[in-house]
Amino acid sequence: MATLWFWLAAVMIAGYVLLDGLDIGAGILHRFVARTPLERAMVLRSIAPIWDGNEVWLLAGGGTLLLAFPKVYATAFSGFYLPLMLVLWLLIGRACAIELRHQVKAASWASFWDTIFQLSSVLLAVCFGAALGNVVRGVPIGADGQFFEPLWADGDVPGQVGILDGYTVLIGVAALAALALHGALWLGYKLEGDVQARARRLAKILSFVVAVVSLIVTAATLSVQPHVKDRLLGAPAGLVFPALAIAGLVFVHLRLRARDDLGALFGSAAYLGGMLTSAAYGCYPYLLPSTPDASRGMTVYDSAAADSTLLLSLWWWIPALAITVAYQVWIYRHFAGKVRPGEGHYG
C-alpha cells in the first residue's frame, strides 16, 4: 500500500510539472517571444483560462504527500522552510502579474508586471529544479530525523552540501531549459504570426540545449547518488522511464521539423514525464535520501501512514482525482484553438 501511494504522489507531482509547466514556460519566454504590448497580452491570454487550475496539482501533490507520508512532509518542509517561502512568494508574484497587468491602462504599469511575470517564472523553474536536485542527492538528516542545510554550500568545508550547490544548480538550469521548451511548444501551438514563429525558432534551439543538459544531468546524478545506478542495474525494468524521456525528446525534434506543434508538445510531455519517473524510480524506496549517512534516509516503508489509513483514503482520493481530471479536460477543450488579438481582457 505504501508503494502505491509513493507512485500516486509521484503522478500528482508529474501532473503539476506537465500542466503548470506550460504557463511557467510561457512566462520564462514572455519577453523573448512577445515584443509588443499586444503580443504580450496574447501570451497571457494563451494561459489565462488554465494557469490557476494547473496549480491545483501542486496543492494536490502536497496533500497526497502529507496524507501518505506525514513524517517526510514534516521533515522536508521544516528543513526546506526558507526555499519554500521563496517559492510561495514567486507563485504570488506570478499570480499578481497575470491578474493585475490589465487593471491599469498604462504602458509602464503593464511593463512592470510583464517583468515580474517573467522573473518569477524563471526563478520558480530554477527553485523547483534545485528542490528536485536536493531530494535526489539527499540531505544531511541527523539522528533526530531532522536536518538543516545552508542556502549555499561552503567550498571551504569538505563534503558540505547546500540547498544551492553545484549539483542542485545544475538541476535548476536543466529544469529552466526543459520548462522553457515546454512553454515554447505551447505558445507555438496556441498562437499565430510573429509570436508563433519566434516560439518555434526558440523551441528548435531549446530542444538541442535540453538534450545536451539531460546527458550532463544524468552523468552528474549517477555520480552524486550511487543508489540511482544500483537501482536501475538491480531492477532494469525501470529503464523504460529514461527510454520514454529519450523517445519524447526525439519526437519533439521530428514534430518540430514537420511543424506539428501539438505533436511536439506531447513529445515534451513524454520527456518531462520520463525524466520525473526516472528520478522517482531511481530513488525508490527512498522518499528523502540522507547524505552522507544513507542509513538515515526516509523510506516508503518507515515513513508511511498506517495501511488502514492509506486504504480508506483511496475511497475519496480516486473520485477527487477523477473530478480534477474531468475539470481540466473540460477547460482545455472549451478553450481549444488559437488565441487571436482582441480576445479576452488581458490586454
C-alpha atoms as a PDB file:
ATOM      1  CA  MET A   1       0.000   0.000   0.000  1.00  0.00           C
ATOM      2  CA  ALA A   2       2.831   2.413   0.825  1.00  0.00           C
ATOM      3  CA  THR A   3       4.438   1.763  -2.565  1.00  0.00           C
ATOM      4  CA  LEU A   4       1.144   2.500  -4.299  1.00  0.00           C
ATOM      5  CA  TRP A   5       0.923   5.852  -2.549  1.00  0.00           C
ATOM      6  CA  PHE A   6       4.541   6.579  -3.439  1.00  0.00           C
ATOM      7  CA  TRP A   7       3.601   6.331  -7.093  1.00  0.00           C
ATOM      8  CA  LEU A   8       0.356   8.244  -6.607  1.00  0.00           C
ATOM      9  CA  ALA A   9       2.335  11.130  -5.108  1.00  0.00           C
ATOM     10  CA  ALA A  10       4.811  10.908  -7.985  1.00  0.00           C
ATOM     11  CA  VAL A  11       1.946  11.053 -10.506  1.00  0.00           C
ATOM     12  CA  MET A  12       0.491  14.145  -8.823  1.00  0.00           C
ATOM     13  CA  ILE A  13       3.832  15.945  -8.905  1.00  0.00           C
ATOM     14  CA  ALA A  14       4.403  14.906 -12.527  1.00  0.00           C
ATOM     15  CA  GLY A  15       0.921  16.160 -13.387  1.00  0.00           C
ATOM     16  CA  TYR A  16       1.772  19.538 -11.879  1.00  0.00           C
ATOM     17  CA  VAL A  17       5.019  19.814 -13.842  1.00  0.00           C
ATOM     18  CA  LEU A  18       3.387  18.830 -17.139  1.00  0.00           C
ATOM     19  CA  LEU A  19       0.431  21.206 -16.761  1.00  0.00           C
ATOM     20  CA  ASP A  20       1.747  24.202 -14.845  1.00  0.00           C
ATOM     21  CA  GLY A  21       4.971  23.815 -16.822  1.00  0.00           C
ATOM     22  CA  LEU A  22       3.020  25.190 -19.794  1.00  0.00           C
ATOM     23  CA  ASP A  23       2.384  28.580 -18.215  1.00  0.00           C
ATOM     24  CA  ILE A  24       5.693  28.682 -16.315  1.00  0.00           C
ATOM     25  CA  GLY A  25       7.446  28.075 -19.635  1.00  0.00           C
ATOM     26  CA  ALA A  26       5.348  30.763 -21.308  1.00  0.00           C
ATOM     27  CA  GLY A  27       6.398  33.148 -18.539  1.00  0.00           C
ATOM     28  CA  ILE A  28      10.077  32.284 -18.971  1.00  0.00           C
ATOM     29  CA  LEU A  29       9.895  33.234 -22.655  1.00  0.00           C
ATOM     30  CA  HIS A  30       7.400  36.087 -22.225  1.00  0.00           C
ATOM     31  CA  ARG A  31       9.603  38.979 -23.337  1.00  0.00           C
ATOM     32  CA  PHE A  32      11.615  36.892 -25.807  1.00  0.00           C
ATOM     33  CA  VAL A  33       8.716  35.814 -27.979  1.00  0.00           C
ATOM     34  CA  ALA A  34       6.429  38.833 -27.414  1.00  0.00           C
ATOM     35  CA  ARG A  35       7.896  42.219 -28.280  1.00  0.00           C
ATOM     36  CA  THR A  36       4.871  44.496 -28.260  1.00  0.00           C
ATOM     37  CA  PRO A  37       2.146  45.082 -25.666  1.00  0.00           C
ATOM     38  CA  LEU A  38      -0.382  43.359 -27.912  1.00  0.00           C
ATOM     39  CA  GLU A  39       1.833  40.285 -28.332  1.00  0.00           C
ATOM     40  CA  ARG A  40       2.447  40.079 -24.590  1.00  0.00           C
ATOM     41  CA  ALA A  41      -1.278  40.273 -23.956  1.00  0.00           C
ATOM     42  CA  MET A  42      -1.746  37.360 -26.374  1.00  0.00           C
ATOM     43  CA  VAL A  43       0.804  35.276 -24.463  1.00  0.00           C
ATOM     44  CA  LEU A  44      -1.146  35.901 -21.271  1.00  0.00           C
ATOM     45  CA  ARG A  45      -4.417  35.038 -22.992  1.00  0.00           C
ATOM     46  CA  SER A  46      -2.965  31.686 -24.021  1.00  0.00           C
ATOM     47  CA  ILE A  47      -2.609  30.690 -20.364  1.00  0.00           C
ATOM     48  CA  ALA A  48      -5.369  32.785 -18.753  1.00  0.00           C
ATOM     49  CA  PRO A  49      -8.009  30.006 -18.648  1.00  0.00           C
ATOM     50  CA  ILE A  50      -5.667  27.300 -17.374  1.00  0.00           C
ATOM     51  CA  TRP A  51      -2.943  28.659 -15.108  1.00  0.00           C
ATOM     52  CA  ASP A  52      -4.846  28.660 -11.814  1.00  0.00           C
ATOM     53  CA  GLY A  53      -6.373  25.218 -12.445  1.00  0.00           C
ATOM     54  CA  ASN A  54      -2.912  23.854 -13.225  1.00  0.00           C
ATOM     55  CA  GLU A  55      -1.648  24.943  -9.809  1.00  0.00           C
ATOM     56  CA  VAL A  56      -4.280  22.767  -8.130  1.00  0.00           C
ATOM     57  CA  TRP A  57      -1.984  19.832  -8.884  1.00  0.00           C
ATOM     58  CA  LEU A  58       0.723  21.334  -6.693  1.00  0.00           C
ATOM     59  CA  LEU A  59      -1.687  21.519  -3.761  1.00  0.00           C
ATOM     60  CA  ALA A  60      -2.937  18.014  -4.501  1.00  0.00           C
ATOM     61  CA  GLY A  61       0.610  16.670  -4.626  1.00  0.00           C
ATOM     62  CA  GLY A  62       1.459  18.289  -1.284  1.00  0.00           C
ATOM     63  CA  GLY A  63      -1.775  16.988   0.215  1.00  0.00           C
ATOM     64  CA  THR A  64      -1.070  13.467  -1.032  1.00  0.00           C
ATOM     65  CA  LEU A  65       2.410  13.580   0.465  1.00  0.00           C
ATOM     66  CA  LEU A  66       1.044  14.822   3.806  1.00  0.00           C
ATOM     67  CA  LEU A  67      -1.631  12.154   3.880  1.00  0.00           C
ATOM     68  CA  ALA A  68       0.513   9.182   2.941  1.00  0.00           C
ATOM     69  CA  PHE A  69       3.930  10.146   4.333  1.00  0.00           C
ATOM     70  CA  PRO A  70       3.456  12.655   7.175  1.00  0.00           C
ATOM     71  CA  LYS A  71       6.964  12.122   8.586  1.00  0.00           C
ATOM     72  CA  VAL A  72       8.609  13.016   5.285  1.00  0.00           C
ATOM     73  CA  TYR A  73       6.313  16.007   4.860  1.00  0.00           C
ATOM     74  CA  ALA A  74       7.213  17.340   8.316  1.00  0.00           C
ATOM     75  CA  THR A  75      10.951  16.776   7.877  1.00  0.00           C
ATOM     76  CA  ALA A  76      11.173  18.178   4.357  1.00  0.00           C
ATOM     77  CA  PHE A  77       9.030  21.245   4.999  1.00  0.00           C
ATOM     78  CA  SER A  78      10.926  22.172   8.152  1.00  0.00           C
ATOM     79  CA  GLY A  79      14.332  21.650   6.527  1.00  0.00           C
ATOM     80  CA  PHE A  80      13.381  23.495   3.349  1.00  0.00           C
ATOM     81  CA  TYR A  81      11.459  26.274   5.082  1.00  0.00           C
ATOM     82  CA  LEU A  82      13.375  29.168   3.502  1.00  0.00           C
ATOM     83  CA  PRO A  83      13.220  27.957  -0.126  1.00  0.00           C
ATOM     84  CA  LEU A  84       9.555  27.011   0.309  1.00  0.00           C
ATOM     85  CA  MET A  85       8.777  30.556   1.410  1.00  0.00           C
ATOM     86  CA  LEU A  86      10.646  31.786  -1.658  1.00  0.00           C
ATOM     87  CA  VAL A  87       8.543  29.501  -3.880  1.00  0.00           C
ATOM     88  CA  LEU A  88       5.387  30.815  -2.237  1.00  0.00           C
ATOM     89  CA  TRP A  89       6.339  34.420  -2.963  1.00  0.00           C
ATOM     90  CA  LEU A  90       7.216  33.561  -6.564  1.00  0.00           C
ATOM     91  CA  LEU A  91       3.828  31.909  -7.043  1.00  0.00           C
ATOM     92  CA  ILE A  92       2.176  35.005  -5.608  1.00  0.00           C
ATOM     93  CA  GLY A  93       4.251  37.217  -7.895  1.00  0.00           C
ATOM     94  CA  ARG A  94       3.172  35.290 -10.996  1.00  0.00           C
ATOM     95  CA  ALA A  95      -0.483  35.401  -9.965  1.00  0.00           C
ATOM     96  CA  CYS A  96      -0.381  39.135  -9.276  1.00  0.00           C
ATOM     97  CA  ALA A  97       1.350  39.788 -12.598  1.00  0.00           C
ATOM     98  CA  ILE A  98      -1.289  37.874 -14.560  1.00  0.00           C
ATOM     99  CA  GLU A  99      -4.275  39.416 -12.809  1.00  0.00           C
ATOM    100  CA  LEU A 100      -3.063  42.994 -12.237  1.00  0.00           C
ATOM    101  CA  ARG A 101      -1.416  43.716 -15.597  1.00  0.00           C
ATOM    102  CA  HIS A 102      -4.662  44.723 -17.296  1.00  0.00           C
ATOM    103  CA  GLN A 103      -6.119  46.673 -14.386  1.00  0.00           C
ATOM    104  CA  VAL A 104      -4.441  49.981 -15.295  1.00  0.00           C
ATOM    105  CA  LYS A 105      -4.184  51.200 -18.884  1.00  0.00           C
ATOM    106  CA  ALA A 106      -0.629  52.500 -18.714  1.00  0.00           C
ATOM    107  CA  ALA A 107       2.396  51.196 -20.602  1.00  0.00           C
ATOM    108  CA  SER A 108       4.715  51.461 -17.586  1.00  0.00           C
ATOM    109  CA  TRP A 109       2.248  49.518 -15.429  1.00  0.00           C
ATOM    110  CA  ALA A 110       1.971  46.670 -17.948  1.00  0.00           C
ATOM    111  CA  SER A 111       5.747  46.616 -18.487  1.00  0.00           C
ATOM    112  CA  PHE A 112       6.371  46.344 -14.730  1.00  0.00           C
ATOM    113  CA  TRP A 113       4.077  43.340 -14.363  1.00  0.00           C
ATOM    114  CA  ASP A 114       5.475  41.739 -17.516  1.00  0.00           C
ATOM    115  CA  THR A 115       8.899  41.860 -15.868  1.00  0.00           C
ATOM    116  CA  ILE A 116       7.550  40.397 -12.621  1.00  0.00           C
ATOM    117  CA  PHE A 117       5.821  37.632 -14.574  1.00  0.00           C
ATOM    118  CA  GLN A 118       8.967  36.629 -16.446  1.00  0.00           C
ATOM    119  CA  LEU A 119      11.346  36.956 -13.478  1.00  0.00           C
ATOM    120  CA  SER A 120       9.039  34.957 -11.176  1.00  0.00           C
ATOM    121  CA  SER A 121       8.673  32.230 -13.802  1.00  0.00           C
ATOM    122  CA  VAL A 122      12.439  31.936 -14.325  1.00  0.00           C
ATOM    123  CA  LEU A 123      13.219  31.770 -10.606  1.00  0.00           C
ATOM    124  CA  LEU A 124      10.347  29.362  -9.972  1.00  0.00           C
ATOM    125  CA  ALA A 125      11.678  26.906 -12.563  1.00  0.00           C
ATOM    126  CA  VAL A 126      15.173  27.095 -11.045  1.00  0.00           C
ATOM    127  CA  CYS A 127      13.817  26.667  -7.497  1.00  0.00           C
ATOM    128  CA  PHE A 128      11.748  23.622  -8.430  1.00  0.00           C
ATOM    129  CA  GLY A 129      14.741  22.106 -10.201  1.00  0.00           C
ATOM    130  CA  ALA A 130      17.023  22.763  -7.233  1.00  0.00           C
ATOM    131  CA  ALA A 131      14.415  21.203  -4.928  1.00  0.00           C
ATOM    132  CA  LEU A 132      14.361  18.054  -7.047  1.00  0.00           C
ATOM    133  CA  GLY A 133      18.159  18.040  -7.006  1.00  0.00           C
ATOM    134  CA  ASN A 134      18.189  18.159  -3.203  1.00  0.00           C
ATOM    135  CA  VAL A 135      15.748  15.251  -2.976  1.00  0.00           C
ATOM    136  CA  VAL A 136      17.687  13.077  -5.438  1.00  0.00           C
ATOM    137  CA  ARG A 137      21.109  13.877  -3.972  1.00  0.00           C
ATOM    138  CA  GLY A 138      19.971  13.610  -0.374  1.00  0.00           C
ATOM    139  CA  VAL A 139      20.046  15.914   2.637  1.00  0.00           C
ATOM    140  CA  PRO A 140      22.023  15.678   5.905  1.00  0.00           C
ATOM    141  CA  ILE A 141      19.365  14.056   8.110  1.00  0.00           C
ATOM    142  CA  GLY A 142      20.511  13.837  11.709  1.00  0.00           C
ATOM    143  CA  ALA A 143      19.931  11.179  14.346  1.00  0.00           C
ATOM    144  CA  ASP A 144      16.794  13.063  15.464  1.00  0.00           C
ATOM    145  CA  GLY A 145      15.283  12.758  11.980  1.00  0.00           C
ATOM    146  CA  GLN A 146      15.697  16.468  11.211  1.00  0.00           C
ATOM    147  CA  PHE A 147      18.124  18.367   9.018  1.00  0.00           C
ATOM    148  CA  PHE A 148      19.351  21.838   8.210  1.00  0.00           C
ATOM    149  CA  GLU A 149      21.071  22.954   5.031  1.00  0.00           C
ATOM    150  CA  PRO A 150      22.663  26.345   4.442  1.00  0.00           C
ATOM    151  CA  LEU A 151      21.332  28.219   1.453  1.00  0.00           C
ATOM    152  CA  TRP A 152      24.557  27.559  -0.414  1.00  0.00           C
ATOM    153  CA  ALA A 153      27.431  25.171   0.168  1.00  0.00           C
ATOM    154  CA  ASP A 154      30.684  26.451   1.645  1.00  0.00           C
ATOM    155  CA  GLY A 155      33.578  25.377  -0.556  1.00  0.00           C
ATOM    156  CA  ASP A 156      35.925  25.560   2.438  1.00  0.00           C
ATOM    157  CA  VAL A 157      34.006  22.785   4.223  1.00  0.00           C
ATOM    158  CA  PRO A 158      34.706  19.434   2.521  1.00  0.00           C
ATOM    159  CA  GLY A 159      31.599  17.345   1.894  1.00  0.00           C
ATOM    160  CA  GLN A 160      29.144  20.060   2.914  1.00  0.00           C
ATOM    161  CA  VAL A 161      26.026  20.285   0.790  1.00  0.00           C
ATOM    162  CA  GLY A 162      23.736  23.255   0.425  1.00  0.00           C
ATOM    163  CA  ILE A 163      20.304  23.988  -0.922  1.00  0.00           C
ATOM    164  CA  LEU A 164      22.213  25.616  -3.767  1.00  0.00           C
ATOM    165  CA  ASP A 165      25.439  23.890  -4.740  1.00  0.00           C
ATOM    166  CA  GLY A 166      26.991  22.682  -7.976  1.00  0.00           C
ATOM    167  CA  TYR A 167      24.628  19.751  -8.454  1.00  0.00           C
ATOM    168  CA  THR A 168      21.373  21.391  -7.421  1.00  0.00           C
ATOM    169  CA  VAL A 169      22.070  24.498  -9.515  1.00  0.00           C
ATOM    170  CA  LEU A 170      22.736  22.197 -12.480  1.00  0.00           C
ATOM    171  CA  ILE A 171      19.337  20.556 -11.984  1.00  0.00           C
ATOM    172  CA  GLY A 172      17.803  24.025 -11.676  1.00  0.00           C
ATOM    173  CA  VAL A 173      19.297  25.061 -15.014  1.00  0.00           C
ATOM    174  CA  ALA A 174      18.074  21.821 -16.589  1.00  0.00           C
ATOM    175  CA  ALA A 175      14.564  22.486 -15.276  1.00  0.00           C
ATOM    176  CA  LEU A 176      14.695  26.023 -16.649  1.00  0.00           C
ATOM    177  CA  ALA A 177      15.641  24.760 -20.117  1.00  0.00           C
ATOM    178  CA  ALA A 178      13.071  21.947 -20.093  1.00  0.00           C
ATOM    179  CA  LEU A 179      10.182  24.171 -18.986  1.00  0.00           C
ATOM    180  CA  ALA A 180      11.211  26.886 -21.442  1.00  0.00           C
ATOM    181  CA  LEU A 181      10.993  24.271 -24.218  1.00  0.00           C
ATOM    182  CA  HIS A 182       7.606  23.125 -22.920  1.00  0.00           C
ATOM    183  CA  GLY A 183       6.358  26.721 -22.897  1.00  0.00           C
ATOM    184  CA  ALA A 184       7.731  27.473 -26.365  1.00  0.00           C
ATOM    185  CA  LEU A 185       5.867  24.484 -27.780  1.00  0.00           C
ATOM    186  CA  TRP A 186       2.665  25.596 -26.039  1.00  0.00           C
ATOM    187  CA  LEU A 187       2.961  29.097 -27.495  1.00  0.00           C
ATOM    188  CA  GLY A 188       3.713  27.655 -30.918  1.00  0.00           C
ATOM    189  CA  TYR A 189       0.535  25.627 -30.648  1.00  0.00           C
ATOM    190  CA  LYS A 190      -1.727  28.391 -29.281  1.00  0.00           C
ATOM    191  CA  LEU A 191      -0.539  31.491 -31.149  1.00  0.00           C
ATOM    192  CA  GLU A 192      -0.085  32.624 -34.731  1.00  0.00           C
ATOM    193  CA  GLY A 193       2.028  35.081 -36.689  1.00  0.00           C
ATOM    194  CA  ASP A 194       5.339  36.504 -35.475  1.00  0.00           C
ATOM    195  CA  VAL A 195       4.972  35.220 -31.917  1.00  0.00           C
ATOM    196  CA  GLN A 196       4.420  31.669 -33.150  1.00  0.00           C
ATOM    197  CA  ALA A 197       7.428  31.934 -35.493  1.00  0.00           C
ATOM    198  CA  ARG A 198       9.684  33.123 -32.660  1.00  0.00           C
ATOM    199  CA  ALA A 199       8.388  30.408 -30.337  1.00  0.00           C
ATOM    200  CA  ARG A 200       9.120  27.740 -32.954  1.00  0.00           C
ATOM    201  CA  ARG A 201      12.660  29.042 -33.504  1.00  0.00           C
ATOM    202  CA  LEU A 202      13.334  29.066 -29.779  1.00  0.00           C
ATOM    203  CA  ALA A 203      11.860  25.579 -29.416  1.00  0.00           C
ATOM    204  CA  LYS A 204      14.300  24.205 -32.014  1.00  0.00           C
ATOM    205  CA  ILE A 205      17.256  25.730 -30.170  1.00  0.00           C
ATOM    206  CA  LEU A 206      15.992  24.676 -26.759  1.00  0.00           C
ATOM    207  CA  SER A 207      15.393  21.088 -27.868  1.00  0.00           C
ATOM    208  CA  PHE A 208      19.121  20.701 -28.522  1.00  0.00           C
ATOM    209  CA  VAL A 209      20.022  22.513 -25.290  1.00  0.00           C
ATOM    210  CA  VAL A 210      17.733  20.176 -23.324  1.00  0.00           C
ATOM    211  CA  ALA A 211      19.302  17.120 -24.974  1.00  0.00           C
ATOM    212  CA  VAL A 212      22.829  18.195 -24.003  1.00  0.00           C
ATOM    213  CA  VAL A 213      21.856  19.250 -20.475  1.00  0.00           C
ATOM    214  CA  SER A 214      19.997  15.946 -19.969  1.00  0.00           C
ATOM    215  CA  LEU A 215      23.175  13.984 -20.687  1.00  0.00           C
ATOM    216  CA  ILE A 216      25.146  16.121 -18.226  1.00  0.00           C
ATOM    217  CA  VAL A 217      22.437  15.805 -15.564  1.00  0.00           C
ATOM    218  CA  THR A 218      22.295  12.029 -15.973  1.00  0.00           C
ATOM    219  CA  ALA A 219      26.064  11.686 -15.551  1.00  0.00           C
ATOM    220  CA  ALA A 220      26.077  14.018 -12.532  1.00  0.00           C
ATOM    221  CA  THR A 221      23.178  12.183 -10.870  1.00  0.00           C
ATOM    222  CA  LEU A 222      24.826   8.789 -11.227  1.00  0.00           C
ATOM    223  CA  SER A 223      27.936  10.303  -9.661  1.00  0.00           C
ATOM    224  CA  VAL A 224      26.389  12.048  -6.642  1.00  0.00           C
ATOM    225  CA  GLN A 225      23.719   9.430  -5.863  1.00  0.00           C
ATOM    226  CA  PRO A 226      25.026   5.852  -6.368  1.00  0.00           C
ATOM    227  CA  HIS A 227      21.659   4.429  -5.263  1.00  0.00           C
ATOM    228  CA  VAL A 228      20.124   5.503  -8.580  1.00  0.00           C
ATOM    229  CA  LYS A 229      22.648   3.478 -10.558  1.00  0.00           C
ATOM    230  CA  ASP A 230      22.293   0.472  -8.259  1.00  0.00           C
ATOM    231  CA  ARG A 231      18.511   0.649  -8.514  1.00  0.00           C
ATOM    232  CA  LEU A 232      18.483   0.760 -12.318  1.00  0.00           C
ATOM    233  CA  LEU A 233      21.013  -2.068 -12.612  1.00  0.00           C
ATOM    234  CA  GLY A 234      19.252  -4.147  -9.973  1.00  0.00           C
ATOM    235  CA  ALA A 235      15.783  -3.658 -11.464  1.00  0.00           C
ATOM    236  CA  PRO A 236      16.355  -2.890 -15.167  1.00  0.00           C
ATOM    237  CA  ALA A 237      12.616  -2.824 -15.925  1.00  0.00           C
ATOM    238  CA  GLY A 238      12.789   0.773 -14.761  1.00  0.00           C
ATOM    239  CA  LEU A 239      14.883   1.656 -17.811  1.00  0.00           C
ATOM    240  CA  VAL A 240      11.547   2.101 -19.577  1.00  0.00           C
ATOM    241  CA  PHE A 241      11.299   5.516 -17.883  1.00  0.00           C
ATOM    242  CA  PRO A 242      14.536   7.025 -19.272  1.00  0.00           C
ATOM    243  CA  ALA A 243      13.642   5.379 -22.590  1.00  0.00           C
ATOM    244  CA  LEU A 244      10.355   7.318 -22.514  1.00  0.00           C
ATOM    245  CA  ALA A 245      12.263  10.567 -21.929  1.00  0.00           C
ATOM    246  CA  ILE A 246      14.626   9.863 -24.835  1.00  0.00           C
ATOM    247  CA  ALA A 247      11.761   8.906 -27.142  1.00  0.00           C
ATOM    248  CA  GLY A 248       9.858  12.035 -26.150  1.00  0.00           C
ATOM    249  CA  LEU A 249      12.779  14.326 -26.950  1.00  0.00           C
ATOM    250  CA  VAL A 250      13.379  12.613 -30.296  1.00  0.00           C
ATOM    251  CA  PHE A 251       9.676  13.029 -31.069  1.00  0.00           C
ATOM    252  CA  VAL A 252       9.943  16.750 -30.269  1.00  0.00           C
ATOM    253  CA  HIS A 253      12.724  17.099 -32.866  1.00  0.00           C
ATOM    254  CA  LEU A 254      10.770  15.187 -35.508  1.00  0.00           C
ATOM    255  CA  ARG A 255       7.490  17.035 -34.944  1.00  0.00           C
ATOM    256  CA  LEU A 256       9.201  20.438 -34.939  1.00  0.00           C
ATOM    257  CA  ARG A 257      10.670  19.674 -38.350  1.00  0.00           C
ATOM    258  CA  ALA A 258       7.172  18.729 -39.534  1.00  0.00           C
ATOM    259  CA  ARG A 259       5.678  21.932 -37.974  1.00  0.00           C
ATOM    260  CA  ASP A 260       3.374  19.778 -35.860  1.00  0.00           C
ATOM    261  CA  ASP A 261       3.145  21.942 -32.746  1.00  0.00           C
ATOM    262  CA  LEU A 262       0.692  19.723 -30.875  1.00  0.00           C
ATOM    263  CA  GLY A 263       2.686  16.569 -31.580  1.00  0.00           C
ATOM    264  CA  ALA A 264       5.872  18.267 -30.370  1.00  0.00           C
ATOM    265  CA  LEU A 265       4.063  19.382 -27.226  1.00  0.00           C
ATOM    266  CA  PHE A 266       3.055  15.789 -26.466  1.00  0.00           C
ATOM    267  CA  GLY A 267       6.667  14.762 -27.051  1.00  0.00           C
ATOM    268  CA  SER A 268       7.793  17.339 -24.495  1.00  0.00           C
ATOM    269  CA  ALA A 269       5.232  15.983 -22.024  1.00  0.00           C
ATOM    270  CA  ALA A 270       6.635  12.476 -22.564  1.00  0.00           C
ATOM    271  CA  TYR A 271      10.170  13.772 -21.981  1.00  0.00           C
ATOM    272  CA  LEU A 272       9.239  15.544 -18.737  1.00  0.00           C
ATOM    273  CA  GLY A 273       7.211  12.570 -17.531  1.00  0.00           C
ATOM    274  CA  GLY A 274      10.042  10.187 -18.358  1.00  0.00           C
ATOM    275  CA  MET A 275      12.635  12.266 -16.521  1.00  0.00           C
ATOM    276  CA  LEU A 276      10.483  12.662 -13.409  1.00  0.00           C
ATOM    277  CA  THR A 277       9.517   8.986 -13.236  1.00  0.00           C
ATOM    278  CA  SER A 278      13.171   8.050 -13.796  1.00  0.00           C
ATOM    279  CA  ALA A 279      14.078  10.122 -10.742  1.00  0.00           C
ATOM    280  CA  ALA A 280      11.279   8.567  -8.686  1.00  0.00           C
ATOM    281  CA  TYR A 281      12.176   5.023  -9.743  1.00  0.00           C
ATOM    282  CA  GLY A 282      15.885   5.625  -9.167  1.00  0.00           C
ATOM    283  CA  CYS A 283      15.320   6.955  -5.630  1.00  0.00           C
ATOM    284  CA  TYR A 284      12.803   4.265  -4.553  1.00  0.00           C
ATOM    285  CA  PRO A 285      12.333   3.176  -1.781  1.00  0.00           C
ATOM    286  CA  TYR A 286      13.755   6.473  -0.516  1.00  0.00           C
ATOM    287  CA  LEU A 287      11.482   9.478  -0.351  1.00  0.00           C
ATOM    288  CA  LEU A 288      14.196  11.634   1.174  1.00  0.00           C
ATOM    289  CA  PRO A 289      17.692  10.132   0.960  1.00  0.00           C
ATOM    290  CA  SER A 290      20.308  11.093   3.521  1.00  0.00           C
ATOM    291  CA  THR A 291      23.863  12.156   2.898  1.00  0.00           C
ATOM    292  CA  PRO A 292      26.499  11.252   3.924  1.00  0.00           C
ATOM    293  CA  ASP A 293      24.855   8.613   6.169  1.00  0.00           C
ATOM    294  CA  ALA A 294      22.488   6.742   3.847  1.00  0.00           C
ATOM    295  CA  SER A 295      21.065   4.695   6.723  1.00  0.00           C
ATOM    296  CA  ARG A 296      19.209   7.765   7.984  1.00  0.00           C
ATOM    297  CA  GLY A 297      17.288   8.201   4.747  1.00  0.00           C
ATOM    298  CA  MET A 298      13.482   8.234   4.971  1.00  0.00           C
ATOM    299  CA  THR A 299      11.950   5.364   3.016  1.00  0.00           C
ATOM    300  CA  VAL A 300       8.475   4.461   1.840  1.00  0.00           C
ATOM    301  CA  TYR A 301       8.234   1.763   4.484  1.00  0.00           C
ATOM    302  CA  ASP A 302       9.274   3.616   7.637  1.00  0.00           C
ATOM    303  CA  SER A 303       7.545   6.929   6.970  1.00  0.00           C
ATOM    304  CA  ALA A 304       4.120   5.888   5.638  1.00  0.00           C
ATOM    305  CA  ALA A 305       0.839   6.260   7.492  1.00  0.00           C
ATOM    306  CA  ALA A 306      -0.950   3.137   8.704  1.00  0.00           C
ATOM    307  CA  ASP A 307      -2.187   0.767   5.988  1.00  0.00           C
ATOM    308  CA  SER A 308      -5.757   1.216   7.207  1.00  0.00           C
ATOM    309  CA  THR A 309      -5.454   4.980   6.714  1.00  0.00           C
ATOM    310  CA  LEU A 310      -3.966   4.576   3.247  1.00  0.00           C
ATOM    311  CA  LEU A 311      -6.655   2.104   2.197  1.00  0.00           C
ATOM    312  CA  LEU A 312      -9.509   4.244   3.495  1.00  0.00           C
ATOM    313  CA  SER A 313      -8.054   7.324   1.804  1.00  0.00           C
ATOM    314  CA  LEU A 314      -8.261   5.707  -1.612  1.00  0.00           C
ATOM    315  CA  TRP A 315     -12.056   5.839  -1.377  1.00  0.00           C
ATOM    316  CA  TRP A 316     -12.041   9.642  -1.547  1.00  0.00           C
ATOM    317  CA  TRP A 317      -8.722  10.179  -3.374  1.00  0.00           C
ATOM    318  CA  ILE A 318      -9.830   8.349  -6.533  1.00  0.00           C
ATOM    319  CA  PRO A 319     -13.131  10.277  -7.069  1.00  0.00           C
ATOM    320  CA  ALA A 320     -11.383  13.544  -6.180  1.00  0.00           C
ATOM    321  CA  LEU A 321      -8.762  12.845  -8.835  1.00  0.00           C
ATOM    322  CA  ALA A 322     -11.473  11.928 -11.351  1.00  0.00           C
ATOM    323  CA  ILE A 323     -13.259  15.255 -10.737  1.00  0.00           C
ATOM    324  CA  THR A 324     -10.000  17.176 -11.122  1.00  0.00           C
ATOM    325  CA  VAL A 325      -9.119  15.427 -14.375  1.00  0.00           C
ATOM    326  CA  ALA A 326     -12.636  15.927 -15.761  1.00  0.00           C
ATOM    327  CA  TYR A 327     -12.466  19.643 -14.963  1.00  0.00           C
ATOM    328  CA  GLN A 328      -9.074  20.016 -16.639  1.00  0.00           C
ATOM    329  CA  VAL A 329     -10.227  18.140 -19.745  1.00  0.00           C
ATOM    330  CA  TRP A 330     -13.281  20.403 -19.991  1.00  0.00           C
ATOM    331  CA  ILE A 331     -11.195  23.573 -19.600  1.00  0.00           C
ATOM    332  CA  TYR A 332      -8.660  22.573 -22.249  1.00  0.00           C
ATOM    333  CA  ARG A 333     -11.387  21.524 -24.679  1.00  0.00           C
ATOM    334  CA  HIS A 334     -13.562  24.563 -24.038  1.00  0.00           C
ATOM    335  CA  PHE A 335     -10.680  26.962 -24.665  1.00  0.00           C
ATOM    336  CA  ALA A 336      -9.119  24.973 -27.511  1.00  0.00           C
ATOM    337  CA  GLY A 337      -7.974  26.739 -30.645  1.00  0.00           C
ATOM    338  CA  LYS A 338      -5.735  29.675 -31.458  1.00  0.00           C
ATOM    339  CA  VAL A 339      -5.560  32.881 -29.444  1.00  0.00           C
ATOM    340  CA  ARG A 340      -6.109  35.949 -31.601  1.00  0.00           C
ATOM    341  CA  PRO A 341      -5.787  39.698 -30.960  1.00  0.00           C
ATOM    342  CA  GLY A 342      -8.684  41.441 -29.307  1.00  0.00           C
ATOM    343  CA  GLU A 343      -9.992  38.444 -27.369  1.00  0.00           C
ATOM    344  CA  GLY A 344     -10.334  38.379 -23.588  1.00  0.00           C
ATOM    345  CA  HIS A 345      -9.497  41.067 -21.020  1.00  0.00           C
ATOM    346  CA  TYR A 346      -5.745  40.612 -20.518  1.00  0.00           C
ATOM    347  CA  GLY A 347      -4.801  43.445 -22.836  1.00  0.00           C
END
